[in-house]
């Protein structure tokens, strides 16, 4: 059974493991028959790296997006710092929308559950095991909407910068937390993700947050290398609203 991570505010009911030992086509192998994760990244028909496949993020960013940044270097607006401090000193996950099964950006990007990329002409689709949800990243040349209706996932377009796939997202509502540490954001948040597949088995991912209402300047985090998963597929993820279980996330005196 795949190990599922319960991180503060994420409650899930996993099924038994399925689709194990399924042959993954196109996997380079070493002389002894094992997957060669250090082999060069595959190429798509247009010559760019093919990001398609199943990946697992480094889950450390979920707990604290700024784990590589000194706390004093996170460029909070005063109100955002106040909210962050209040959440850090209070009940924490009980107030996180994710505790009530609400998916959202940018936390969706850093969940420690596998996700599956389909790199198709005109659109790249990402299926996320966490919350069993999806994103469409349009690569057909369309522009981002000028006045987007706020949504949980936002609106995304992508383009290539050399061998790096750059995803620009706007229209994210202000109801979600950025990480389990409780960092807030506003409805002005714009995220820029950069995906660089440096080998068959590793992909570097960074995220820039541009939110002038909540932060004084854009700031970037390097999520760390996502790793490719072979021989498995996504499982169903069921999140249920259960206040009794939510109460158990906290020790005495924290409610």
Protein backbone atom coordinates (compact mmCIF):
# COMPACT_ATOMS: atom_id res chain seq x y z
CA UNK A 1 0.00 0.00 0.00
CA UNK A 2 1.32 3.42 -0.86
CA UNK A 3 2.09 5.45 2.26
CA UNK A 4 -0.21 8.48 2.43
CA UNK A 5 0.86 11.61 4.26
CA UNK A 6 -1.51 13.21 6.79
CA UNK A 7 -0.14 16.72 7.07
CA UNK A 8 -1.99 18.89 9.59
CA UNK A 9 -5.13 19.62 7.63
CA UNK A 10 -5.40 16.88 5.04
CA UNK A 11 -7.69 13.97 5.86
CA UNK A 12 -7.99 11.10 3.44
CA UNK A 13 -9.40 7.61 3.16
CA UNK A 14 -7.06 5.61 0.87
CA UNK A 15 -8.01 2.47 -1.00
CA UNK A 16 -5.78 -0.57 -1.03
CA UNK A 17 -2.97 -0.26 -3.52
CA UNK A 18 -3.96 -0.87 -7.13
CA UNK A 19 -2.28 -0.92 -10.53
CA UNK A 20 1.05 -2.06 -9.11
CA UNK A 21 3.70 -3.65 -11.35
CA UNK A 22 2.10 -2.20 -14.47
CA UNK A 23 4.75 -1.98 -17.21
CA UNK A 24 5.53 1.65 -18.02
CA UNK A 25 6.32 2.00 -21.74
CA UNK A 26 9.46 3.72 -22.92
CA UNK A 27 11.49 3.29 -19.72
CA UNK A 28 15.25 3.25 -20.38
CA UNK A 29 16.99 0.43 -18.55
CA UNK A 30 20.46 -0.37 -17.30
CA UNK A 31 22.35 -3.50 -18.26
CA UNK A 32 20.79 -5.40 -15.35
CA UNK A 33 17.26 -4.46 -16.43
CA UNK A 34 16.51 -1.83 -13.80
CA UNK A 35 15.00 1.56 -14.76
CA UNK A 36 17.77 3.98 -15.67
CA UNK A 37 16.61 7.11 -13.86
CA UNK A 38 19.80 8.96 -14.85
CA UNK A 39 19.15 8.49 -18.58
CA UNK A 40 18.50 11.62 -20.67
CA UNK A 41 15.02 13.12 -20.55
CA UNK A 42 12.79 11.92 -23.41
CA UNK A 43 11.85 14.36 -26.15
CA UNK A 44 8.41 15.20 -27.52
CA UNK A 45 7.68 15.49 -31.23
CA UNK A 46 8.37 19.25 -31.14
CA UNK A 47 11.86 18.67 -29.72
CA UNK A 48 11.12 19.88 -26.21
CA UNK A 49 11.51 17.58 -23.22
CA UNK A 50 8.49 15.34 -22.70
CA UNK A 51 7.25 15.81 -19.14
CA UNK A 52 4.62 13.08 -19.48
CA UNK A 53 4.53 10.48 -16.76
CA UNK A 54 3.84 10.07 -13.06
CA UNK A 55 5.77 12.24 -10.63
CA UNK A 56 6.03 12.64 -6.87
CA UNK A 57 6.78 16.04 -5.34
CA UNK A 58 9.12 16.72 -2.46
CA UNK A 59 6.58 17.02 0.36
CA UNK A 60 8.71 19.30 2.52
CA UNK A 61 7.30 22.38 0.79
CA UNK A 62 3.79 21.48 1.94
CA UNK A 63 4.77 22.00 5.55
CA UNK A 64 6.70 25.20 4.88
CA UNK A 65 7.04 26.75 1.42
CA UNK A 66 9.85 28.97 2.66
CA UNK A 67 11.92 26.25 4.34
CA UNK A 68 15.00 27.34 2.35
CA UNK A 69 14.48 31.03 3.10
CA UNK A 70 15.37 32.84 6.30
CA UNK A 71 12.10 33.89 8.00
CA UNK A 72 13.07 37.56 7.91
CA UNK A 73 13.55 37.36 4.13
CA UNK A 74 9.96 36.42 3.32
CA UNK A 75 8.63 39.79 2.02
CA UNK A 76 5.31 39.98 3.86
CA UNK A 77 2.99 42.94 3.76
CA UNK A 78 2.23 43.81 7.43
CA UNK A 79 -1.27 42.29 7.40
CA UNK A 80 0.00 39.04 5.87
CA UNK A 81 2.71 38.70 8.51
CA UNK A 82 0.09 39.26 11.21
CA UNK A 83 -2.16 36.55 9.77
CA UNK A 84 0.77 34.14 9.42
CA UNK A 85 1.83 34.70 13.04
CA UNK A 86 -1.72 34.23 14.30
CA UNK A 87 -2.09 30.95 12.45
CA UNK A 88 1.29 29.74 13.63
CA UNK A 89 0.36 30.37 17.26
CA UNK A 90 -3.22 29.12 17.11
CA UNK A 91 -5.10 26.00 16.17
CA UNK A 92 -3.29 25.73 12.84
CA UNK A 93 -4.83 23.09 10.58
CA UNK A 94 -8.33 23.28 12.01
CA UNK A 95 -8.93 26.50 10.07
CA UNK A 96 -7.24 25.38 6.86
CA UNK A 97 -9.79 24.89 4.04
CA UNK A 98 -7.92 21.71 3.08
CA UNK A 99 -9.21 20.19 6.33
CA UNK A 100 -12.67 20.46 4.81
CA UNK A 101 -11.68 18.77 1.54
CA UNK A 102 -11.26 21.97 -0.47
CA UNK A 103 -8.48 21.71 -3.07
CA UNK A 104 -6.70 24.88 -4.04
CA UNK A 105 -3.63 26.61 -5.34
CA UNK A 106 -0.82 26.91 -4.65
CA UNK A 107 -0.94 24.07 -2.10
CA UNK A 108 -2.05 21.64 -4.81
CA UNK A 109 1.38 21.91 -6.45
CA UNK A 110 3.29 20.81 -3.35
CA UNK A 111 1.11 17.96 -2.07
CA UNK A 112 3.25 14.86 -1.43
CA UNK A 113 0.96 12.67 -3.55
CA UNK A 114 1.73 11.51 -7.08
CA UNK A 115 0.52 13.47 -10.08
CA UNK A 116 0.34 12.46 -13.71
CA UNK A 117 1.28 14.74 -16.61
CA UNK A 118 -0.16 14.36 -20.10
CA UNK A 119 1.76 16.63 -22.49
CA UNK A 120 -0.54 17.03 -25.47
CA UNK A 121 -0.65 19.42 -28.46
CA UNK A 122 -2.27 22.65 -27.30
CA UNK A 123 -2.69 21.66 -23.66
CA UNK A 124 -0.82 19.96 -20.84
CA UNK A 125 -3.10 18.19 -18.39
CA UNK A 126 -2.07 17.31 -14.83
CA UNK A 127 -4.06 14.76 -12.85
CA UNK A 128 -3.47 15.06 -9.11
CA UNK A 129 -4.03 12.06 -6.86
CA UNK A 130 -4.48 14.49 -3.97
CA UNK A 131 -8.16 15.50 -3.90
CA UNK A 132 -8.60 13.58 -7.20
CA UNK A 133 -8.53 16.76 -9.24
CA UNK A 134 -6.97 18.11 -12.42
CA UNK A 135 -5.52 21.18 -14.12
CA UNK A 136 -5.48 22.30 -17.73
CA UNK A 137 -2.43 24.29 -18.81
CA UNK A 138 -3.14 25.70 -22.25
CA UNK A 139 -0.28 25.93 -24.72
CA UNK A 140 -2.31 26.93 -27.77
CA UNK A 141 -1.22 30.57 -27.66
CA UNK A 142 -4.21 31.97 -25.77
CA UNK A 143 -3.64 34.78 -23.29
CA UNK A 144 -4.60 34.70 -19.64
CA UNK A 145 -8.07 36.12 -18.94
CA UNK A 146 -8.04 39.84 -18.18
CA UNK A 147 -10.70 39.71 -15.48
CA UNK A 148 -10.92 36.07 -14.36
CA UNK A 149 -13.69 34.84 -12.11
CA UNK A 150 -11.91 33.68 -8.93
CA UNK A 151 -11.55 29.91 -8.68
CA UNK A 152 -9.76 27.36 -6.51
CA UNK A 153 -7.32 26.26 -9.23
CA UNK A 154 -7.03 29.42 -11.31
CA UNK A 155 -6.40 29.75 -15.04
CA UNK A 156 -3.09 28.57 -16.50
CA UNK A 157 -1.14 29.00 -19.72
CA UNK A 158 2.23 27.48 -20.51
CA UNK A 159 5.17 28.08 -22.81
CA UNK A 160 8.72 26.83 -23.25
CA UNK A 161 11.80 28.77 -22.21
CA UNK A 162 14.49 26.61 -23.76
CA UNK A 163 14.06 23.21 -22.11
CA UNK A 164 12.03 24.61 -19.19
CA UNK A 165 8.23 24.55 -19.19
CA UNK A 166 6.91 27.78 -17.67
CA UNK A 167 3.34 27.89 -16.31
CA UNK A 168 1.65 31.22 -15.56
CA UNK A 169 -1.49 31.11 -13.39
CA UNK A 170 -3.92 33.84 -12.29
CA UNK A 171 -7.47 33.99 -10.93
CA UNK A 172 -6.89 32.06 -7.71
CA UNK A 173 -9.31 32.99 -4.94
CA UNK A 174 -7.99 34.12 -1.55
CA UNK A 175 -9.63 31.40 0.54
CA UNK A 176 -6.78 28.89 0.72
CA UNK A 177 -3.55 28.67 2.69
CA UNK A 178 -0.31 28.56 0.72
CA UNK A 179 1.16 25.87 2.97
CA UNK A 180 0.50 24.09 6.26
CA UNK A 181 2.42 26.82 8.07
CA UNK A 182 -0.51 29.13 7.29
CA UNK A 183 0.92 31.65 4.84
CA UNK A 184 -1.89 33.72 3.34
CA UNK A 185 -2.34 35.14 -0.12
CA UNK A 186 -4.77 37.52 -1.78
CA UNK A 187 -6.88 37.28 -4.91
CA UNK A 188 -4.08 39.11 -6.73
CA UNK A 189 -1.78 36.08 -6.47
CA UNK A 190 0.02 35.12 -9.67
CA UNK A 191 2.14 31.98 -9.69
CA UNK A 192 4.88 31.11 -12.14
CA UNK A 193 5.96 27.47 -12.12
CA UNK A 194 9.07 26.25 -13.87
CA UNK A 195 9.50 22.56 -14.71
CA UNK A 196 12.86 21.32 -15.97
CA UNK A 197 13.21 17.60 -16.60
CA UNK A 198 16.94 17.13 -16.23
CA UNK A 199 16.92 13.34 -16.63
CA UNK A 200 14.46 10.55 -17.15
CA UNK A 201 13.86 10.21 -13.41
CA UNK A 202 14.22 13.75 -12.02
CA UNK A 203 12.52 17.08 -12.63
CA UNK A 204 13.43 20.37 -10.96
CA UNK A 205 10.43 22.48 -9.95
CA UNK A 206 10.42 26.10 -8.77
CA UNK A 207 7.51 28.42 -8.01
CA UNK A 208 7.47 32.23 -7.98
CA UNK A 209 4.71 34.02 -6.05
CA UNK A 210 3.77 37.50 -7.22
CA UNK A 211 1.11 38.99 -4.95
CA UNK A 212 1.46 42.72 -4.33
CA UNK A 213 -1.45 42.78 -1.88
CA UNK A 214 0.14 40.22 0.46
CA UNK A 215 3.89 40.52 -0.27
CA UNK A 216 6.10 43.49 -1.03
CA UNK A 217 7.85 41.79 -3.96
CA UNK A 218 7.81 38.47 -5.82
CA UNK A 219 9.57 35.57 -4.10
CA UNK A 220 10.65 32.19 -5.38
CA UNK A 221 10.98 28.76 -3.81
CA UNK A 222 12.81 25.79 -5.24
CA UNK A 223 10.61 22.85 -4.45
CA UNK A 224 13.37 20.33 -5.03
CA UNK A 225 13.46 17.56 -7.56
CA UNK A 226 10.30 15.61 -8.25
CA UNK A 227 11.00 11.95 -8.94
CA UNK A 228 9.50 9.85 -11.66
CA UNK A 229 7.43 6.83 -10.65
CA UNK A 230 7.44 3.73 -12.85
CA UNK A 231 5.39 0.57 -12.59
CA UNK A 232 2.47 2.20 -10.74
CA UNK A 233 -0.48 4.45 -11.46
CA UNK A 234 -2.63 6.93 -9.55
CA UNK A 235 -5.02 5.75 -6.86
CA UNK A 236 -8.35 7.16 -5.81
CA UNK A 237 -8.09 9.74 -3.02
CA UNK A 238 -11.20 10.30 -0.92
CA UNK A 239 -11.34 13.28 1.40
CA UNK A 240 -14.23 13.44 3.88
CA UNK A 241 -15.33 16.24 6.17
CA UNK A 242 -15.13 14.74 9.65
CA UNK A 243 -15.03 17.19 12.51
CA UNK A 244 -14.24 14.52 15.05
CA UNK A 245 -11.10 13.56 13.13
CA UNK A 246 -10.20 17.23 12.71
CA UNK A 247 -10.31 17.64 16.49
CA UNK A 248 -7.81 14.81 16.81
CA UNK A 249 -5.26 16.78 14.80
CA UNK A 250 -4.57 18.92 17.86
CA UNK A 251 -3.40 18.29 21.38
CA UNK A 252 -5.07 19.40 24.60
CA UNK A 253 -5.41 23.14 24.96
CA UNK A 254 -5.02 23.87 21.25
CA UNK A 255 -8.71 24.02 20.33
